[in-house]
Amino acid sequence: TWDQSSLWNEFADTCADRGVIFRQFAVMPKLGKYHIEDAGNGQYFISLETVSQDFLALAVKRLLDIAGSILGVIFCALVYPFYALWLQIVSPGRVLFRQERIGRNGRFFTLYKFRTMRPNAERELPELMAFNQMNGALFKIKNDPRIIAGGNFMRRTHLDELPQFWNVLIGDMSLVGTRPPTRSEVESYENRHHRRLSMRPGITGM
C-alpha cells in the first residue's frame, strides 16, 4: 500500500495557512478514463476505466441486441426443420452443435451452431492436428474431411451460426463483437489478450 498521507497533509495544511491552492501531481498510465470519488474524511478513490461504463450507451446496445436477436431466432426457426431433414439424409444425429466458450469476464457459456461436421468430429481432432494451418490454439485446415455434404455451404454463408442469435437473446453474446474463444485459446493468452474478455463476445467477429 502506498501511503504518503502524512506528507501531503503537511503540505496541504501549509498551503491552507497561507491561503494558497494545494495541487497534487500524479503520473498514471494512459490506458483509459479516470474518475475521482470522494470517500469522506479526506479520502478519495481514483478509478481507472479501460472499458466504457456509459450506462445509456450500453443499454442502447443491449436493446439493439435483443431486437436483432429476436429476428435472428425467428429466421433460425424457419431454417431449422429443413436443415434437420437434410442432416437425417446425409449425417443422422444432433442438429445443433454445442461447445463451451468463454464469454465476458471469463464466464463459461454454451455456444450453439448448426452442425456441419460428423457427430464425432471433435474426437477426430487429435488425428488431424499435424495438418493444422493456424498458429497457437486455433485449428483450421483446407478441405477438412470431417465436414459433411452441405457443410461448406452453411459455413460460407454463415447460416451455421444462426442458432447463436439465441446466445445473443439470453445475454451470453452480442450482435457485434469478437468471436468467443475456446478454453484452450484462453489458456494460451498473454496478459494483454485478456482485455478481449472485458466485453461480450459477438457474432460478427472483428
C-alpha atoms as a PDB file:
ATOM      1  CA  THR A   1       0.000   0.000   0.000  1.00  0.00           C
ATOM      2  CA  TRP A   2       1.364   3.403  -0.998  1.00  0.00           C
ATOM      3  CA  ASP A   3       0.638   5.849   1.818  1.00  0.00           C
ATOM      4  CA  GLN A   4       2.168   9.312   1.969  1.00  0.00           C
ATOM      5  CA  SER A   5      -0.869  10.911   3.556  1.00  0.00           C
ATOM      6  CA  SER A   6       1.083  12.488   6.425  1.00  0.00           C
ATOM      7  CA  LEU A   7       3.418  14.254   3.979  1.00  0.00           C
ATOM      8  CA  TRP A   8       0.563  15.532   1.832  1.00  0.00           C
ATOM      9  CA  ASN A   9      -1.382  16.604   4.921  1.00  0.00           C
ATOM     10  CA  GLU A  10       1.567  18.721   5.975  1.00  0.00           C
ATOM     11  CA  PHE A  11       1.780  20.356   2.552  1.00  0.00           C
ATOM     12  CA  ALA A  12      -1.982  20.905   2.447  1.00  0.00           C
ATOM     13  CA  ASP A  13      -2.031  22.462   5.941  1.00  0.00           C
ATOM     14  CA  THR A  14       0.812  24.808   4.999  1.00  0.00           C
ATOM     15  CA  CYS A  15      -0.994  25.907   1.859  1.00  0.00           C
ATOM     16  CA  ALA A  16      -4.217  26.404   3.827  1.00  0.00           C
ATOM     17  CA  ASP A  17      -2.412  28.537   6.412  1.00  0.00           C
ATOM     18  CA  ARG A  18      -1.072  30.779   3.662  1.00  0.00           C
ATOM     19  CA  GLY A  19      -4.228  30.851   1.558  1.00  0.00           C
ATOM     20  CA  VAL A  20      -2.563  29.059  -1.323  1.00  0.00           C
ATOM     21  CA  ILE A  21      -4.285  26.496  -3.551  1.00  0.00           C
ATOM     22  CA  PHE A  22      -2.897  22.998  -2.967  1.00  0.00           C
ATOM     23  CA  ARG A  23      -2.467  20.746  -6.009  1.00  0.00           C
ATOM     24  CA  GLN A  24      -1.018  17.265  -6.150  1.00  0.00           C
ATOM     25  CA  PHE A  25       0.537  15.922  -9.344  1.00  0.00           C
ATOM     26  CA  ALA A  26       0.249  12.205 -10.099  1.00  0.00           C
ATOM     27  CA  VAL A  27       1.567  10.256 -13.071  1.00  0.00           C
ATOM     28  CA  MET A  28      -0.828   7.458 -14.101  1.00  0.00           C
ATOM     29  CA  PRO A  29      -0.957   5.038 -17.049  1.00  0.00           C
ATOM     30  CA  LYS A  30      -2.734   6.395 -20.159  1.00  0.00           C
ATOM     31  CA  LEU A  31      -4.987   3.368 -20.592  1.00  0.00           C
ATOM     32  CA  GLY A  32      -8.497   4.669 -20.200  1.00  0.00           C
ATOM     33  CA  LYS A  33     -10.654   7.164 -18.312  1.00  0.00           C
ATOM     34  CA  TYR A  34     -10.076   8.195 -14.690  1.00  0.00           C
ATOM     35  CA  HIS A  35     -12.661   9.103 -12.083  1.00  0.00           C
ATOM     36  CA  ILE A  36     -12.095  10.563  -8.619  1.00  0.00           C
ATOM     37  CA  GLU A  37     -14.666   9.769  -5.938  1.00  0.00           C
ATOM     38  CA  ASP A  38     -14.859  11.376  -2.504  1.00  0.00           C
ATOM     39  CA  ALA A  39     -14.897   8.675   0.202  1.00  0.00           C
ATOM     40  CA  GLY A  40     -15.141  11.237   3.015  1.00  0.00           C
ATOM     41  CA  ASN A  41     -12.687  12.239   5.751  1.00  0.00           C
ATOM     42  CA  GLY A  42     -10.199  13.459   3.177  1.00  0.00           C
ATOM     43  CA  GLN A  43     -10.038  10.100   1.406  1.00  0.00           C
ATOM     44  CA  TYR A  44     -10.551   9.627  -2.314  1.00  0.00           C
ATOM     45  CA  PHE A  45     -10.828   6.730  -4.763  1.00  0.00           C
ATOM     46  CA  ILE A  46      -9.095   7.021  -8.134  1.00  0.00           C
ATOM     47  CA  SER A  47     -10.726   4.629 -10.602  1.00  0.00           C
ATOM     48  CA  LEU A  48      -9.300   3.655 -13.981  1.00  0.00           C
ATOM     49  CA  GLU A  49     -11.924   2.510 -16.502  1.00  0.00           C
ATOM     50  CA  THR A  50     -10.433   0.814 -19.563  1.00  0.00           C
ATOM     51  CA  VAL A  51     -13.864  -0.326 -20.781  1.00  0.00           C
ATOM     52  CA  SER A  52     -16.795   2.003 -21.357  1.00  0.00           C
ATOM     53  CA  GLN A  53     -19.162   2.244 -18.385  1.00  0.00           C
ATOM     54  CA  ASP A  54     -21.624   4.571 -20.130  1.00  0.00           C
ATOM     55  CA  PHE A  55     -24.942   3.135 -18.926  1.00  0.00           C
ATOM     56  CA  LEU A  56     -27.044   4.730 -21.668  1.00  0.00           C
ATOM     57  CA  ALA A  57     -24.774   3.541 -24.498  1.00  0.00           C
ATOM     58  CA  LEU A  58     -24.590   0.019 -23.091  1.00  0.00           C
ATOM     59  CA  ALA A  59     -28.370  -0.060 -22.556  1.00  0.00           C
ATOM     60  CA  VAL A  60     -28.995   1.004 -26.174  1.00  0.00           C
ATOM     61  CA  LYS A  61     -26.535  -1.631 -27.377  1.00  0.00           C
ATOM     62  CA  ARG A  62     -28.345  -4.308 -25.375  1.00  0.00           C
ATOM     63  CA  LEU A  63     -31.741  -3.207 -26.730  1.00  0.00           C
ATOM     64  CA  LEU A  64     -30.372  -3.460 -30.270  1.00  0.00           C
ATOM     65  CA  ASP A  65     -29.033  -6.920 -29.433  1.00  0.00           C
ATOM     66  CA  ILE A  66     -32.444  -8.042 -28.191  1.00  0.00           C
ATOM     67  CA  ALA A  67     -34.297  -6.639 -31.213  1.00  0.00           C
ATOM     68  CA  GLY A  68     -31.811  -8.117 -33.686  1.00  0.00           C
ATOM     69  CA  SER A  69     -31.645 -11.492 -31.954  1.00  0.00           C
ATOM     70  CA  ILE A  70     -35.454 -11.870 -31.934  1.00  0.00           C
ATOM     71  CA  LEU A  71     -35.448 -11.515 -35.726  1.00  0.00           C
ATOM     72  CA  GLY A  72     -32.488 -13.873 -35.937  1.00  0.00           C
ATOM     73  CA  VAL A  73     -34.158 -16.527 -33.788  1.00  0.00           C
ATOM     74  CA  ILE A  74     -37.297 -16.362 -35.967  1.00  0.00           C
ATOM     75  CA  PHE A  75     -35.195 -16.857 -39.106  1.00  0.00           C
ATOM     76  CA  CYS A  76     -33.307 -19.695 -37.389  1.00  0.00           C
ATOM     77  CA  ALA A  77     -36.616 -21.396 -36.539  1.00  0.00           C
ATOM     78  CA  LEU A  78     -37.614 -21.252 -40.218  1.00  0.00           C
ATOM     79  CA  VAL A  79     -34.335 -22.814 -41.373  1.00  0.00           C
ATOM     80  CA  TYR A  80     -34.168 -25.447 -38.600  1.00  0.00           C
ATOM     81  CA  PRO A  81     -36.688 -28.042 -39.937  1.00  0.00           C
ATOM     82  CA  PHE A  82     -35.223 -28.004 -43.449  1.00  0.00           C
ATOM     83  CA  TYR A  83     -31.658 -28.414 -42.222  1.00  0.00           C
ATOM     84  CA  ALA A  84     -32.729 -31.106 -39.734  1.00  0.00           C
ATOM     85  CA  LEU A  85     -34.276 -33.038 -42.615  1.00  0.00           C
ATOM     86  CA  TRP A  86     -31.082 -32.649 -44.649  1.00  0.00           C
ATOM     87  CA  LEU A  87     -28.969 -33.945 -41.769  1.00  0.00           C
ATOM     88  CA  GLN A  88     -31.151 -37.034 -41.435  1.00  0.00           C
ATOM     89  CA  ILE A  89     -30.250 -37.837 -45.036  1.00  0.00           C
ATOM     90  CA  VAL A  90     -26.504 -37.087 -45.066  1.00  0.00           C
ATOM     91  CA  SER A  91     -25.435 -37.387 -41.415  1.00  0.00           C
ATOM     92  CA  PRO A  92     -28.014 -38.561 -38.856  1.00  0.00           C
ATOM     93  CA  GLY A  93     -27.520 -37.141 -35.380  1.00  0.00           C
ATOM     94  CA  ARG A  94     -27.951 -33.904 -33.455  1.00  0.00           C
ATOM     95  CA  VAL A  95     -28.915 -30.856 -35.466  1.00  0.00           C
ATOM     96  CA  LEU A  96     -27.231 -28.415 -33.091  1.00  0.00           C
ATOM     97  CA  PHE A  97     -23.548 -28.427 -32.237  1.00  0.00           C
ATOM     98  CA  ARG A  98     -22.828 -27.337 -28.672  1.00  0.00           C
ATOM     99  CA  GLN A  99     -19.433 -26.138 -27.466  1.00  0.00           C
ATOM    100  CA  GLU A 100     -18.141 -24.496 -24.302  1.00  0.00           C
ATOM    101  CA  ARG A 101     -16.845 -20.989 -24.932  1.00  0.00           C
ATOM    102  CA  ILE A 102     -15.506 -18.160 -22.766  1.00  0.00           C
ATOM    103  CA  GLY A 103     -17.584 -15.002 -22.508  1.00  0.00           C
ATOM    104  CA  ARG A 104     -17.467 -11.673 -20.710  1.00  0.00           C
ATOM    105  CA  ASN A 105     -15.129 -11.583 -17.707  1.00  0.00           C
ATOM    106  CA  GLY A 106     -14.143 -15.208 -18.252  1.00  0.00           C
ATOM    107  CA  ARG A 107     -17.601 -16.726 -17.763  1.00  0.00           C
ATOM    108  CA  PHE A 108     -18.286 -20.064 -19.441  1.00  0.00           C
ATOM    109  CA  PHE A 109     -21.312 -20.492 -21.656  1.00  0.00           C
ATOM    110  CA  THR A 110     -22.611 -22.954 -24.252  1.00  0.00           C
ATOM    111  CA  LEU A 111     -22.339 -21.788 -27.853  1.00  0.00           C
ATOM    112  CA  TYR A 112     -24.885 -23.141 -30.360  1.00  0.00           C
ATOM    113  CA  LYS A 113     -24.353 -23.730 -34.093  1.00  0.00           C
ATOM    114  CA  PHE A 114     -25.919 -25.867 -36.777  1.00  0.00           C
ATOM    115  CA  ARG A 115     -23.789 -28.995 -37.016  1.00  0.00           C
ATOM    116  CA  THR A 116     -21.712 -29.052 -40.198  1.00  0.00           C
ATOM    117  CA  MET A 117     -19.380 -31.946 -39.305  1.00  0.00           C
ATOM    118  CA  ARG A 118     -19.693 -35.611 -38.493  1.00  0.00           C
ATOM    119  CA  PRO A 119     -21.107 -36.261 -34.990  1.00  0.00           C
ATOM    120  CA  ASN A 120     -17.714 -37.482 -33.680  1.00  0.00           C
ATOM    121  CA  ALA A 121     -15.724 -34.628 -35.267  1.00  0.00           C
ATOM    122  CA  GLU A 122     -14.146 -33.393 -32.015  1.00  0.00           C
ATOM    123  CA  ARG A 123     -12.858 -36.884 -31.187  1.00  0.00           C
ATOM    124  CA  GLU A 124     -11.151 -36.988 -34.590  1.00  0.00           C
ATOM    125  CA  LEU A 125      -9.331 -33.685 -33.994  1.00  0.00           C
ATOM    126  CA  PRO A 126      -6.101 -35.115 -32.449  1.00  0.00           C
ATOM    127  CA  GLU A 127      -5.507 -37.167 -35.600  1.00  0.00           C
ATOM    128  CA  LEU A 128      -5.623 -34.011 -37.750  1.00  0.00           C
ATOM    129  CA  MET A 129      -3.530 -31.651 -35.601  1.00  0.00           C
ATOM    130  CA  ALA A 130      -0.402 -32.370 -37.668  1.00  0.00           C
ATOM    131  CA  PHE A 131      -2.121 -30.694 -40.660  1.00  0.00           C
ATOM    132  CA  ASN A 132      -3.149 -27.542 -38.761  1.00  0.00           C
ATOM    133  CA  GLN A 133      -2.613 -24.380 -40.838  1.00  0.00           C
ATOM    134  CA  MET A 134      -3.074 -21.982 -37.907  1.00  0.00           C
ATOM    135  CA  ASN A 135      -0.742 -20.980 -35.097  1.00  0.00           C
ATOM    136  CA  GLY A 136      -1.482 -21.411 -31.396  1.00  0.00           C
ATOM    137  CA  ALA A 137      -4.695 -22.965 -30.120  1.00  0.00           C
ATOM    138  CA  LEU A 138      -6.720 -22.298 -33.307  1.00  0.00           C
ATOM    139  CA  PHE A 139      -7.299 -25.191 -35.716  1.00  0.00           C
ATOM    140  CA  LYS A 140      -8.095 -24.911 -39.404  1.00  0.00           C
ATOM    141  CA  ILE A 141      -7.244 -26.997 -42.452  1.00  0.00           C
ATOM    142  CA  LYS A 142      -8.296 -26.774 -46.069  1.00  0.00           C
ATOM    143  CA  ASN A 143     -10.822 -29.408 -47.129  1.00  0.00           C
ATOM    144  CA  ASP A 144     -11.421 -30.675 -43.600  1.00  0.00           C
ATOM    145  CA  PRO A 145     -12.539 -34.310 -44.089  1.00  0.00           C
ATOM    146  CA  ARG A 146     -14.937 -34.090 -41.141  1.00  0.00           C
ATOM    147  CA  ILE A 147     -17.255 -31.606 -42.896  1.00  0.00           C
ATOM    148  CA  ILE A 148     -20.451 -33.237 -44.190  1.00  0.00           C
ATOM    149  CA  ALA A 149     -22.182 -32.659 -47.527  1.00  0.00           C
ATOM    150  CA  GLY A 150     -23.643 -29.151 -47.492  1.00  0.00           C
ATOM    151  CA  GLY A 151     -21.490 -28.144 -44.541  1.00  0.00           C
ATOM    152  CA  ASN A 152     -19.177 -25.916 -46.565  1.00  0.00           C
ATOM    153  CA  PHE A 153     -22.178 -24.042 -47.970  1.00  0.00           C
ATOM    154  CA  MET A 154     -23.529 -23.474 -44.457  1.00  0.00           C
ATOM    155  CA  ARG A 155     -20.153 -22.144 -43.359  1.00  0.00           C
ATOM    156  CA  ARG A 156     -19.562 -19.904 -46.370  1.00  0.00           C
ATOM    157  CA  THR A 157     -22.996 -18.310 -45.969  1.00  0.00           C
ATOM    158  CA  HIS A 158     -22.697 -18.262 -42.137  1.00  0.00           C
ATOM    159  CA  LEU A 159     -26.059 -19.978 -41.893  1.00  0.00           C
ATOM    160  CA  ASP A 160     -24.475 -22.399 -39.428  1.00  0.00           C
ATOM    161  CA  GLU A 161     -24.234 -19.503 -36.957  1.00  0.00           C
ATOM    162  CA  LEU A 162     -27.966 -18.723 -36.905  1.00  0.00           C
ATOM    163  CA  PRO A 163     -28.518 -20.520 -33.542  1.00  0.00           C
ATOM    164  CA  GLN A 164     -26.132 -18.023 -31.943  1.00  0.00           C
ATOM    165  CA  PHE A 165     -28.915 -15.448 -32.061  1.00  0.00           C
ATOM    166  CA  TRP A 166     -30.268 -17.401 -29.090  1.00  0.00           C
ATOM    167  CA  ASN A 167     -26.940 -16.780 -27.301  1.00  0.00           C
ATOM    168  CA  VAL A 168     -27.416 -13.078 -28.016  1.00  0.00           C
ATOM    169  CA  LEU A 169     -31.011 -13.064 -26.790  1.00  0.00           C
ATOM    170  CA  ILE A 170     -30.130 -14.616 -23.416  1.00  0.00           C
ATOM    171  CA  GLY A 171     -27.145 -12.285 -22.948  1.00  0.00           C
ATOM    172  CA  ASP A 172     -24.164 -14.580 -23.499  1.00  0.00           C
ATOM    173  CA  MET A 173     -23.168 -12.745 -26.672  1.00  0.00           C
ATOM    174  CA  SER A 174     -23.749  -9.532 -28.599  1.00  0.00           C
ATOM    175  CA  LEU A 175     -24.532  -8.988 -32.268  1.00  0.00           C
ATOM    176  CA  VAL A 176     -21.233  -7.117 -32.698  1.00  0.00           C
ATOM    177  CA  GLY A 177     -18.019  -8.229 -31.046  1.00  0.00           C
ATOM    178  CA  THR A 178     -15.013 -10.508 -31.312  1.00  0.00           C
ATOM    179  CA  ARG A 179     -15.664 -14.228 -31.644  1.00  0.00           C
ATOM    180  CA  PRO A 180     -15.951 -16.095 -28.310  1.00  0.00           C
ATOM    181  CA  PRO A 181     -12.749 -18.061 -27.645  1.00  0.00           C
ATOM    182  CA  THR A 182     -12.471 -21.656 -26.505  1.00  0.00           C
ATOM    183  CA  ARG A 183     -10.910 -22.676 -23.208  1.00  0.00           C
ATOM    184  CA  SER A 184      -7.708 -23.788 -24.967  1.00  0.00           C
ATOM    185  CA  GLU A 185      -7.412 -20.391 -26.676  1.00  0.00           C
ATOM    186  CA  VAL A 186      -7.725 -18.520 -23.381  1.00  0.00           C
ATOM    187  CA  GLU A 187      -5.170 -20.805 -21.732  1.00  0.00           C
ATOM    188  CA  SER A 188      -2.650 -19.687 -24.363  1.00  0.00           C
ATOM    189  CA  TYR A 189      -3.377 -15.956 -23.852  1.00  0.00           C
ATOM    190  CA  GLU A 190      -0.764 -13.442 -22.772  1.00  0.00           C
ATOM    191  CA  ASN A 191      -1.893 -10.937 -20.138  1.00  0.00           C
ATOM    192  CA  ARG A 192      -2.744  -8.271 -22.735  1.00  0.00           C
ATOM    193  CA  HIS A 193      -5.062 -10.657 -24.582  1.00  0.00           C
ATOM    194  CA  HIS A 194      -7.441 -10.915 -21.609  1.00  0.00           C
ATOM    195  CA  ARG A 195      -8.784  -7.448 -22.357  1.00  0.00           C
ATOM    196  CA  ARG A 196     -10.709  -9.145 -25.154  1.00  0.00           C
ATOM    197  CA  LEU A 197     -12.856 -10.747 -22.443  1.00  0.00           C
ATOM    198  CA  SER A 198     -13.869  -7.418 -20.894  1.00  0.00           C
ATOM    199  CA  MET A 199     -16.887  -7.157 -23.205  1.00  0.00           C
ATOM    200  CA  ARG A 200     -19.432  -9.647 -24.509  1.00  0.00           C
ATOM    201  CA  PRO A 201     -18.217 -11.663 -27.500  1.00  0.00           C
ATOM    202  CA  GLY A 202     -20.175 -11.268 -30.726  1.00  0.00           C
ATOM    203  CA  ILE A 203     -21.435 -12.921 -33.854  1.00  0.00           C
ATOM    204  CA  THR A 204     -19.702 -10.567 -36.295  1.00  0.00           C
ATOM    205  CA  GLY A 205     -16.069 -11.017 -35.223  1.00  0.00           C
ATOM    206  CA  MET A 206     -13.619  -8.197 -35.804  1.00  0.00           C
END
